[in-house]
Amino acid sequence: MYKTRVLVVDDDPALITLVRGILGKTYETRGARSGQEAIQLVGEWSPDLIILDLVMSGLDGFSVCQRIRQQSMVPILVLSGRHADEDKVRALDIGADDYLTKPFSRDELLARLRALLRRARQANTPSLVLEDDWLRIDFGRRLVAVEGHEIRLTPTEYGLLEQLASNPGKLMPHAVLLQRVWGPEYRNELDYLRVFIRRLRRKIERDPSDPEYILTEPRAGYRFRGPRPSS
């Protein structure tokens, strides 16, 4: 029987042991004590999720996250002792999917992990295609293309785009998007939403600074104005 693979990246062996103990026998886990080892294991072992520290000797977690994103869309949960908002925003902006600070509780770690894996596995989208001369969104195949070239989205990026694009023209309030994509406990995490909207715009807009698809409704939410359903 296949077990979900989780890679724990931290230069503290005690932390790796602690996390692997929390994950128990439900998951197949491996530890990496350096950024270089983590990048190698992503290619060789193909984990389903990565738990990543930021402060490590050699390659730090920010660099590791960037390099992993060049080769894989695997969900990344940052587990860090850094509490500053700028560290969280930077980590999310370069490709992390979630951010949990140390010290952490066993239950919260497991809940975050399950939520990330659930987003990665969701595939119950409608068989609908939205397209114009620039952007194509095929919900049935979970495929997004710009100018005919498929673009890679993380599960969280796709989940957010799906919520917006499947409700064209409708105002999607901040709290609604956060609850539907991340979960009810994230209703006030506006930083998450702003960062992922920025990431999506960089990937699908002709000009991210002047978006035509994902529109901001000040102090309210976002509205998707984009391709019409294809005939």
Protein backbone atom coordinates (compact mmCIF):
# COMPACT_ATOMS: atom_id res chain seq x y z
CA MET A 1 0.00 0.00 0.00
CA TYR A 2 1.37 3.40 -0.99
CA LYS A 3 2.23 5.75 1.86
CA THR A 4 2.41 9.50 1.40
CA ARG A 5 6.04 10.60 1.31
CA VAL A 6 7.11 13.52 3.48
CA LEU A 7 10.60 15.01 3.37
CA VAL A 8 11.69 16.85 6.54
CA VAL A 9 14.48 19.37 5.92
CA ASP A 10 16.31 20.80 8.94
CA ASP A 11 19.95 20.93 10.02
CA ASP A 12 18.88 20.00 13.57
CA PRO A 13 18.70 16.17 13.76
CA ALA A 14 16.59 16.38 16.94
CA LEU A 15 13.92 18.37 15.09
CA ILE A 16 13.89 15.86 12.25
CA THR A 17 13.47 13.03 14.75
CA LEU A 18 10.66 14.92 16.51
CA VAL A 19 8.72 15.57 13.30
CA ARG A 20 9.19 12.05 12.02
CA GLY A 21 7.90 10.79 15.35
CA ILE A 22 4.80 12.98 15.07
CA LEU A 23 4.10 11.73 11.56
CA GLY A 24 4.49 8.17 12.79
CA LYS A 25 3.67 5.20 10.62
CA THR A 26 0.94 7.00 8.67
CA TYR A 27 3.54 8.59 6.40
CA GLU A 28 6.77 7.47 4.85
CA THR A 29 9.33 10.04 5.95
CA ARG A 30 12.93 10.92 5.22
CA GLY A 31 15.13 13.59 6.69
CA ALA A 32 17.59 15.93 5.00
CA ARG A 33 20.09 17.91 7.09
CA SER A 34 21.20 20.27 4.34
CA GLY A 35 19.65 22.16 1.47
CA GLN A 36 21.73 20.32 -1.08
CA GLU A 37 20.64 16.95 0.27
CA ALA A 38 17.01 18.09 0.16
CA ILE A 39 17.24 19.14 -3.48
CA GLN A 40 18.84 15.82 -4.38
CA LEU A 41 16.11 13.85 -2.58
CA VAL A 42 13.36 15.80 -4.35
CA GLY A 43 14.75 14.53 -7.64
CA GLU A 44 15.51 10.98 -6.51
CA TRP A 45 12.68 10.23 -4.07
CA SER A 46 9.80 12.45 -5.32
CA PRO A 47 8.19 13.38 -1.97
CA ASP A 48 4.51 14.29 -1.83
CA LEU A 49 5.15 17.10 0.66
CA ILE A 50 8.18 18.92 2.09
CA ILE A 51 8.54 20.36 5.60
CA LEU A 52 11.30 22.96 5.35
CA ASP A 53 13.29 24.98 7.88
CA LEU A 54 14.58 28.40 6.83
CA VAL A 55 17.70 28.80 8.96
CA MET A 56 20.29 26.25 7.88
CA SER A 57 24.00 26.31 7.26
CA GLY A 58 25.01 26.39 3.60
CA LEU A 59 21.90 26.81 1.48
CA ASP A 60 19.19 28.43 3.59
CA GLY A 61 15.54 27.52 3.33
CA PHE A 62 14.69 30.43 1.05
CA SER A 63 17.26 29.27 -1.51
CA VAL A 64 16.12 25.66 -1.18
CA CYS A 65 12.50 26.66 -1.78
CA GLN A 66 13.44 28.61 -4.90
CA ARG A 67 15.48 25.74 -6.33
CA ILE A 68 12.78 23.17 -5.61
CA ARG A 69 10.22 25.34 -7.38
CA GLN A 70 12.40 25.25 -10.50
CA GLN A 71 11.86 21.49 -10.75
CA SER A 72 8.75 20.58 -8.77
CA MET A 73 5.33 21.88 -7.65
CA VAL A 74 5.36 19.66 -4.53
CA PRO A 75 3.59 21.34 -1.56
CA ILE A 76 6.06 23.04 0.80
CA LEU A 77 5.29 23.75 4.46
CA VAL A 78 7.83 26.06 6.06
CA LEU A 79 8.50 25.20 9.71
CA SER A 80 10.63 28.00 11.12
CA GLY A 81 11.65 29.80 14.28
CA ARG A 82 11.38 33.10 12.40
CA HIS A 83 8.23 34.94 13.45
CA ALA A 84 8.58 38.19 11.47
CA ASP A 85 5.86 38.92 8.92
CA GLU A 86 8.46 39.78 6.29
CA ASP A 87 9.97 36.29 6.57
CA LYS A 88 6.54 34.69 6.13
CA VAL A 89 5.68 36.87 3.14
CA ARG A 90 9.08 36.26 1.53
CA ALA A 91 8.77 32.48 1.96
CA LEU A 92 5.26 32.42 0.51
CA ASP A 93 6.24 34.73 -2.32
CA ILE A 94 9.07 32.48 -3.53
CA GLY A 95 6.95 29.35 -3.56
CA ALA A 96 6.06 28.02 -0.10
CA ASP A 97 2.43 26.99 0.42
CA ASP A 98 2.14 27.44 4.18
CA TYR A 99 4.16 28.77 7.12
CA LEU A 100 4.18 27.42 10.68
CA THR A 101 6.36 28.88 13.42
CA LYS A 102 8.29 27.07 16.13
CA PRO A 103 7.43 26.08 18.78
CA PHE A 104 4.47 24.24 17.28
CA SER A 105 1.87 21.79 18.46
CA ARG A 106 1.57 18.25 17.15
CA ASP A 107 -2.08 18.75 16.22
CA GLU A 108 -1.46 21.96 14.28
CA LEU A 109 1.41 20.43 12.31
CA LEU A 110 -0.73 17.45 11.34
CA ALA A 111 -3.69 19.67 10.44
CA ARG A 112 -1.54 21.87 8.19
CA LEU A 113 -0.03 18.81 6.55
CA ARG A 114 -3.43 17.23 5.88
CA ALA A 115 -4.78 20.47 4.42
CA LEU A 116 -1.86 20.78 1.99
CA LEU A 117 -2.19 17.18 0.89
CA ARG A 118 -5.94 17.57 0.45
CA ARG A 119 -5.45 20.54 -1.87
CA ALA A 120 -2.85 18.58 -3.83
CA ARG A 121 -5.26 15.69 -4.38
CA GLN A 122 -8.50 17.50 -5.14
CA ALA A 123 -9.70 16.67 -8.62
CA ASN A 124 -13.47 17.14 -8.50
CA THR A 125 -13.54 20.19 -10.74
CA PRO A 126 -16.18 20.68 -13.44
CA SER A 127 -15.44 19.69 -17.05
CA LEU A 128 -15.38 23.30 -18.18
CA VAL A 129 -12.92 25.15 -20.38
CA LEU A 130 -12.40 28.92 -20.29
CA GLU A 131 -10.25 30.40 -23.02
CA ASP A 132 -9.34 33.42 -25.08
CA ASP A 133 -6.35 34.30 -27.25
CA TRP A 134 -4.07 34.54 -24.20
CA LEU A 135 -5.32 32.29 -21.42
CA ARG A 136 -6.87 28.81 -21.34
CA ILE A 137 -8.15 27.11 -18.19
CA ASP A 138 -9.24 23.48 -18.55
CA PHE A 139 -10.86 22.54 -15.26
CA GLY A 140 -11.43 18.91 -16.17
CA ARG A 141 -7.73 18.36 -16.87
CA ARG A 142 -6.54 20.88 -14.26
CA LEU A 143 -4.50 22.50 -17.01
CA VAL A 144 -3.67 26.20 -17.39
CA ALA A 145 -1.95 27.56 -20.50
CA VAL A 146 -0.76 31.00 -21.55
CA GLU A 147 -0.33 31.65 -25.29
CA GLY A 148 -0.66 27.90 -25.86
CA HIS A 149 2.08 26.97 -23.39
CA GLU A 150 1.16 25.06 -20.25
CA ILE A 151 2.19 26.79 -17.03
CA ARG A 152 2.94 25.05 -13.78
CA LEU A 153 0.86 25.92 -10.74
CA THR A 154 1.22 24.61 -7.21
CA PRO A 155 -1.91 22.95 -5.78
CA THR A 156 -2.59 26.08 -3.72
CA GLU A 157 -2.18 28.40 -6.72
CA TYR A 158 -4.51 26.22 -8.77
CA GLY A 159 -7.05 26.04 -5.96
CA LEU A 160 -7.18 29.82 -5.72
CA LEU A 161 -7.45 30.27 -9.48
CA GLU A 162 -10.19 27.65 -9.59
CA GLN A 163 -12.23 29.51 -6.97
CA LEU A 164 -11.90 32.78 -8.86
CA ALA A 165 -12.31 31.52 -12.43
CA SER A 166 -15.25 29.26 -11.66
CA ASN A 167 -17.13 32.33 -10.39
CA PRO A 168 -16.53 34.79 -13.27
CA GLY A 169 -17.63 38.34 -12.60
CA LYS A 170 -18.59 37.56 -9.02
CA LEU A 171 -17.00 39.38 -6.10
CA MET A 172 -15.11 36.85 -3.99
CA PRO A 173 -14.58 38.34 -0.51
CA HIS A 174 -11.21 37.86 1.18
CA ALA A 175 -12.62 35.67 3.95
CA VAL A 176 -14.46 33.42 1.49
CA LEU A 177 -11.37 32.77 -0.59
CA LEU A 178 -9.22 32.12 2.47
CA GLN A 179 -11.76 29.71 3.92
CA ARG A 180 -12.33 27.80 0.68
CA VAL A 181 -8.67 27.50 -0.33
CA TRP A 182 -6.82 27.29 2.99
CA GLY A 183 -9.50 26.49 5.56
CA PRO A 184 -11.64 28.25 8.20
CA GLU A 185 -8.68 28.86 10.50
CA TYR A 186 -7.10 31.12 7.85
CA ARG A 187 -9.99 33.59 7.53
CA ASN A 188 -7.85 36.51 8.74
CA GLU A 189 -4.59 35.63 6.95
CA LEU A 190 -4.75 38.39 4.34
CA ASP A 191 -1.00 38.14 3.75
CA TYR A 192 -1.51 34.63 2.34
CA LEU A 193 -4.13 35.84 -0.10
CA ARG A 194 -2.15 38.88 -1.27
CA VAL A 195 0.99 36.82 -1.86
CA PHE A 196 -0.80 34.11 -3.85
CA ILE A 197 -2.76 36.63 -5.91
CA ARG A 198 0.57 38.23 -6.78
CA ARG A 199 2.03 34.84 -7.69
CA LEU A 200 -0.95 34.04 -9.93
CA ARG A 201 -0.80 37.39 -11.67
CA ARG A 202 2.87 36.88 -12.46
CA LYS A 203 1.98 33.60 -14.14
CA ILE A 204 -1.22 34.37 -16.08
CA GLU A 205 -1.45 38.12 -16.71
CA ARG A 206 0.00 39.88 -19.75
CA ASP A 207 1.00 42.71 -17.42
CA PRO A 208 0.87 41.74 -13.72
CA SER A 209 1.02 45.42 -12.73
CA ASP A 210 -2.15 46.10 -14.76
CA PRO A 211 -4.18 42.89 -14.45
CA GLU A 212 -7.04 42.11 -16.79
CA TYR A 213 -8.15 38.78 -15.29
CA ILE A 214 -7.77 38.99 -11.50
CA LEU A 215 -9.18 42.34 -10.43
CA THR A 216 -8.86 43.85 -6.96
CA GLU A 217 -11.96 45.20 -5.25
CA PRO A 218 -10.46 47.51 -2.58
CA ARG A 219 -11.16 46.42 1.00
CA ALA A 220 -13.58 43.77 -0.29
CA GLY A 221 -11.95 40.97 -2.26
CA TYR A 222 -11.20 39.95 -5.84
CA ARG A 223 -13.18 39.48 -9.01
CA PHE A 224 -12.25 37.30 -12.01
CA ARG A 225 -12.89 38.81 -15.42
CA GLY A 226 -11.53 36.48 -18.03
CA PRO A 227 -12.07 33.93 -20.78
CA ARG A 228 -15.57 32.83 -21.60
CA PRO A 229 -16.56 29.16 -21.70
CA SER A 230 -15.53 27.66 -25.02
CA SER A 231 -18.19 26.15 -27.24
